[in-house]
Amino acid sequence: MMDVFPDFGSVGGTSDLRAIVGALCMFVLVIAVLMLIVSAIVWAIASASGN
């Protein structure tokens, strides 16, 4: 049997693509953490006001 796997080294621009995907993942992570903080603040305010 033959093992078949992708050869990403033969495709041009993979380093640029990895940089773009890495930056996008970092952006999404920062937004997710900020939304978690905002949600915790809103939850604390709503809990303190009796809702």
PDB file of N, CA and C in Angstrom:
ATOM      1  N   MET A   1       0.825  -1.184   0.000  1.00  0.00           N
ATOM      2  CA  MET A   1       0.000   0.000   0.000  1.00  0.00           C
ATOM      3  C   MET A   1       0.867   1.246   0.000  1.00  0.00           C
ATOM      4  N   MET A   2       0.335   2.298  -0.597  1.00  0.00           N
ATOM      5  CA  MET A   2       1.062   3.568  -0.651  1.00  0.00           C
ATOM      6  C   MET A   2       0.482   4.537   0.370  1.00  0.00           C
ATOM      7  N   ASP A   3       1.375   5.277   0.991  1.00  0.00           N
ATOM      8  CA  ASP A   3       0.928   6.354   1.872  1.00  0.00           C
ATOM      9  C   ASP A   3       0.822   7.628   1.048  1.00  0.00           C
ATOM     10  N   VAL A   4      -0.321   8.257   1.079  1.00  0.00           N
ATOM     11  CA  VAL A   4      -0.539   9.491   0.337  1.00  0.00           C
ATOM     12  C   VAL A   4      -0.736  10.614   1.342  1.00  0.00           C
ATOM     13  N   PHE A   5       0.023  11.680   1.169  1.00  0.00           N
ATOM     14  CA  PHE A   5      -0.079  12.820   2.064  1.00  0.00           C
ATOM     15  C   PHE A   5       0.196  14.092   1.270  1.00  0.00           C
ATOM     16  N   PRO A   6      -0.348  15.223   1.714  1.00  0.00           N
ATOM     17  CA  PRO A   6      -0.134  16.473   0.980  1.00  0.00           C
ATOM     18  C   PRO A   6       1.290  16.982   1.165  1.00  0.00           C
ATOM     19  N   ASP A   7       1.841  17.544   0.105  1.00  0.00           N
ATOM     20  CA  ASP A   7       3.176  18.134   0.143  1.00  0.00           C
ATOM     21  C   ASP A   7       3.025  19.651   0.091  1.00  0.00           C
ATOM     22  N   PHE A   8       2.933  20.271   1.271  1.00  0.00           N
ATOM     23  CA  PHE A   8       2.724  21.711   1.315  1.00  0.00           C
ATOM     24  C   PHE A   8       3.975  22.491   0.917  1.00  0.00           C
ATOM     25  N   GLY A   9       5.113  21.855   0.897  1.00  0.00           N
ATOM     26  CA  GLY A   9       6.335  22.530   0.495  1.00  0.00           C
ATOM     27  C   GLY A   9       6.376  22.862  -0.981  1.00  0.00           C
ATOM     28  N   SER A  10       5.614  22.146  -1.791  1.00  0.00           N
ATOM     29  CA  SER A  10       5.626  22.394  -3.227  1.00  0.00           C
ATOM     30  C   SER A  10       4.703  23.531  -3.638  1.00  0.00           C
ATOM     31  N   VAL A  11       3.850  23.967  -2.731  1.00  0.00           N
ATOM     32  CA  VAL A  11       2.931  25.061  -3.039  1.00  0.00           C
ATOM     33  C   VAL A  11       3.597  26.374  -2.666  1.00  0.00           C
ATOM     34  N   GLY A  12       3.575  27.329  -3.573  1.00  0.00           N
ATOM     35  CA  GLY A  12       4.185  28.621  -3.297  1.00  0.00           C
ATOM     36  C   GLY A  12       3.316  29.471  -2.394  1.00  0.00           C
ATOM     37  N   GLY A  13       3.939  30.247  -1.534  1.00  0.00           N
ATOM     38  CA  GLY A  13       3.211  31.176  -0.679  1.00  0.00           C
ATOM     39  C   GLY A  13       2.635  30.572   0.575  1.00  0.00           C
ATOM     40  N   THR A  14       3.094  29.384   0.954  1.00  0.00           N
ATOM     41  CA  THR A  14       2.536  28.774   2.167  1.00  0.00           C
ATOM     42  C   THR A  14       2.965  29.529   3.422  1.00  0.00           C
ATOM     43  N   SER A  15       4.139  30.137   3.395  1.00  0.00           N
ATOM     44  CA  SER A  15       4.565  30.898   4.578  1.00  0.00           C
ATOM     45  C   SER A  15       3.686  32.126   4.766  1.00  0.00           C
ATOM     46  N   ASP A  16       3.310  32.766   3.656  1.00  0.00           N
ATOM     47  CA  ASP A  16       2.395  33.905   3.755  1.00  0.00           C
ATOM     48  C   ASP A  16       1.034  33.461   4.265  1.00  0.00           C
ATOM     49  N   LEU A  17       0.564  32.323   3.772  1.00  0.00           N
ATOM     50  CA  LEU A  17      -0.735  31.809   4.200  1.00  0.00           C
ATOM     51  C   LEU A  17      -0.713  31.455   5.683  1.00  0.00           C
ATOM     52  N   ARG A  18       0.372  30.859   6.146  1.00  0.00           N
ATOM     53  CA  ARG A  18       0.480  30.527   7.575  1.00  0.00           C
ATOM     54  C   ARG A  18       0.506  31.781   8.432  1.00  0.00           C
ATOM     55  N   ALA A  19       1.168  32.833   7.952  1.00  0.00           N
ATOM     56  CA  ALA A  19       1.206  34.091   8.700  1.00  0.00           C
ATOM     57  C   ALA A  19      -0.181  34.713   8.780  1.00  0.00           C
ATOM     58  N   ILE A  20      -0.926  34.665   7.683  1.00  0.00           N
ATOM     59  CA  ILE A  20      -2.278  35.228   7.662  1.00  0.00           C
ATOM     60  C   ILE A  20      -3.195  34.441   8.590  1.00  0.00           C
ATOM     61  N   VAL A  21      -3.127  33.122   8.524  1.00  0.00           N
ATOM     62  CA  VAL A  21      -3.976  32.286   9.380  1.00  0.00           C
ATOM     63  C   VAL A  21      -3.607  32.481  10.850  1.00  0.00           C
ATOM     64  N   GLY A  22      -2.326  32.594  11.144  1.00  0.00           N
ATOM     65  CA  GLY A  22      -1.894  32.829  12.519  1.00  0.00           C
ATOM     66  C   GLY A  22      -2.391  34.165  13.055  1.00  0.00           C
ATOM     67  N   ALA A  23      -2.319  35.206  12.226  1.00  0.00           N
ATOM     68  CA  ALA A  23      -2.816  36.516  12.643  1.00  0.00           C
ATOM     69  C   ALA A  23      -4.324  36.483  12.844  1.00  0.00           C
ATOM     70  N   LEU A  24      -5.029  35.776  11.980  1.00  0.00           N
ATOM     71  CA  LEU A  24      -6.481  35.664  12.106  1.00  0.00           C
ATOM     72  C   LEU A  24      -6.861  34.913  13.381  1.00  0.00           C
ATOM     73  N   CYS A  25      -6.136  33.847  13.689  1.00  0.00           N
ATOM     74  CA  CYS A  25      -6.408  33.093  14.922  1.00  0.00           C
ATOM     75  C   CYS A  25      -6.145  33.952  16.155  1.00  0.00           C
ATOM     76  N   MET A  26      -5.098  34.753  16.133  1.00  0.00           N
ATOM     77  CA  MET A  26      -4.800  35.628  17.262  1.00  0.00           C
ATOM     78  C   MET A  26      -5.892  36.677  17.424  1.00  0.00           C
ATOM     79  N   PHE A  27      -6.371  37.229  16.317  1.00  0.00           N
ATOM     80  CA  PHE A  27      -7.446  38.219  16.358  1.00  0.00           C
ATOM     81  C   PHE A  27      -8.716  37.614  16.951  1.00  0.00           C
ATOM     82  N   VAL A  28      -9.062  36.411  16.522  1.00  0.00           N
ATOM     83  CA  VAL A  28     -10.258  35.728  17.031  1.00  0.00           C
ATOM     84  C   VAL A  28     -10.100  35.421  18.517  1.00  0.00           C
ATOM     85  N   LEU A  29      -8.917  35.013  18.940  1.00  0.00           N
ATOM     86  CA  LEU A  29      -8.674  34.723  20.353  1.00  0.00           C
ATOM     87  C   LEU A  29      -8.829  35.972  21.216  1.00  0.00           C
ATOM     88  N   VAL A  30      -8.299  37.092  20.759  1.00  0.00           N
ATOM     89  CA  VAL A  30      -8.414  38.344  21.514  1.00  0.00           C
ATOM     90  C   VAL A  30      -9.874  38.766  21.619  1.00  0.00           C
ATOM     91  N   ILE A  31     -10.621  38.676  20.524  1.00  0.00           N
ATOM     92  CA  ILE A  31     -12.042  39.037  20.541  1.00  0.00           C
ATOM     93  C   ILE A  31     -12.812  38.118  21.494  1.00  0.00           C
ATOM     94  N   ALA A  32     -12.504  36.819  21.489  1.00  0.00           N
ATOM     95  CA  ALA A  32     -13.200  35.874  22.367  1.00  0.00           C
ATOM     96  C   ALA A  32     -12.936  36.195  23.838  1.00  0.00           C
ATOM     97  N   VAL A  33     -11.708  36.523  24.178  1.00  0.00           N
ATOM     98  CA  VAL A  33     -11.381  36.860  25.567  1.00  0.00           C
ATOM     99  C   VAL A  33     -12.071  38.157  25.977  1.00  0.00           C
ATOM    100  N   LEU A  34     -12.086  39.140  25.088  1.00  0.00           N
ATOM    101  CA  LEU A  34     -12.773  40.394  25.396  1.00  0.00           C
ATOM    102  C   LEU A  34     -14.271  40.174  25.597  1.00  0.00           C
ATOM    103  N   MET A  35     -14.876  39.335  24.771  1.00  0.00           N
ATOM    104  CA  MET A  35     -16.303  39.047  24.922  1.00  0.00           C
ATOM    105  C   MET A  35     -16.578  38.313  26.231  1.00  0.00           C
ATOM    106  N   LEU A  36     -15.667  37.445  26.647  1.00  0.00           N
ATOM    107  CA  LEU A  36     -15.813  36.758  27.932  1.00  0.00           C
ATOM    108  C   LEU A  36     -15.772  37.750  29.087  1.00  0.00           C
ATOM    109  N   ILE A  37     -14.874  38.708  29.016  1.00  0.00           N
ATOM    110  CA  ILE A  37     -14.769  39.729  30.059  1.00  0.00           C
ATOM    111  C   ILE A  37     -16.025  40.595  30.093  1.00  0.00           C
ATOM    112  N   VAL A  38     -16.499  41.010  28.921  1.00  0.00           N
ATOM    113  CA  VAL A  38     -17.716  41.823  28.854  1.00  0.00           C
ATOM    114  C   VAL A  38     -18.906  41.045  29.403  1.00  0.00           C
ATOM    115  N   SER A  39     -19.007  39.770  29.064  1.00  0.00           N
ATOM    116  CA  SER A  39     -20.111  38.945  29.560  1.00  0.00           C
ATOM    117  C   SER A  39     -20.063  38.818  31.079  1.00  0.00           C
ATOM    118  N   ALA A  40     -18.871  38.649  31.639  1.00  0.00           N
ATOM    119  CA  ALA A  40     -18.738  38.550  33.092  1.00  0.00           C
ATOM    120  C   ALA A  40     -19.143  39.854  33.770  1.00  0.00           C
ATOM    121  N   ILE A  41     -18.788  40.987  33.179  1.00  0.00           N
ATOM    122  CA  ILE A  41     -19.161  42.284  33.750  1.00  0.00           C
ATOM    123  C   ILE A  41     -20.671  42.474  33.707  1.00  0.00           C
ATOM    124  N   VAL A  42     -21.283  42.147  32.575  1.00  0.00           N
ATOM    125  CA  VAL A  42     -22.737  42.285  32.445  1.00  0.00           C
ATOM    126  C   VAL A  42     -23.449  41.345  33.406  1.00  0.00           C
ATOM    127  N   TRP A  43     -22.946  40.139  33.558  1.00  0.00           N
ATOM    128  CA  TRP A  43     -23.534  39.174  34.489  1.00  0.00           C
ATOM    129  C   TRP A  43     -23.452  39.697  35.924  1.00  0.00           C
ATOM    130  N   ALA A  44     -22.314  40.275  36.289  1.00  0.00           N
ATOM    131  CA  ALA A  44     -22.148  40.811  37.643  1.00  0.00           C
ATOM    132  C   ALA A  44     -23.101  41.975  37.893  1.00  0.00           C
ATOM    133  N   ILE A  45     -23.257  42.847  36.915  1.00  0.00           N
ATOM    134  CA  ILE A  45     -24.168  43.986  37.070  1.00  0.00           C
ATOM    135  C   ILE A  45     -25.611  43.501  37.184  1.00  0.00           C
ATOM    136  N   ALA A  46     -25.996  42.550  36.334  1.00  0.00           N
ATOM    137  CA  ALA A  46     -27.365  42.025  36.373  1.00  0.00           C
ATOM    138  C   ALA A  46     -27.626  41.274  37.672  1.00  0.00           C
ATOM    139  N   SER A  47     -26.647  40.560  38.167  1.00  0.00           N
ATOM    140  CA  SER A  47     -26.809  39.823  39.421  1.00  0.00           C
ATOM    141  C   SER A  47     -26.930  40.778  40.606  1.00  0.00           C
ATOM    142  N   ALA A  48     -26.186  41.860  40.568  1.00  0.00           N
ATOM    143  CA  ALA A  48     -26.232  42.828  41.660  1.00  0.00           C
ATOM    144  C   ALA A  48     -27.554  43.591  41.687  1.00  0.00           C
ATOM    145  N   SER A  49     -28.158  43.758  40.513  1.00  0.00           N
ATOM    146  CA  SER A  49     -29.419  44.504  40.471  1.00  0.00           C
ATOM    147  C   SER A  49     -30.624  43.601  40.693  1.00  0.00           C
ATOM    148  N   GLY A  50     -30.418  42.310  40.861  1.00  0.00           N
ATOM    149  CA  GLY A  50     -31.498  41.392  41.188  1.00  0.00           C
ATOM    150  C   GLY A  50     -32.158  40.741  39.992  1.00  0.00           C
ATOM    151  N   ASN A  51     -31.559  40.812  38.832  1.00  0.00           N
ATOM    152  CA  ASN A  51     -32.134  40.172  37.636  1.00  0.00           C
ATOM    153  C   ASN A  51     -31.496  38.832  37.384  1.00  0.00           C
TER     154      ASN A  51
END
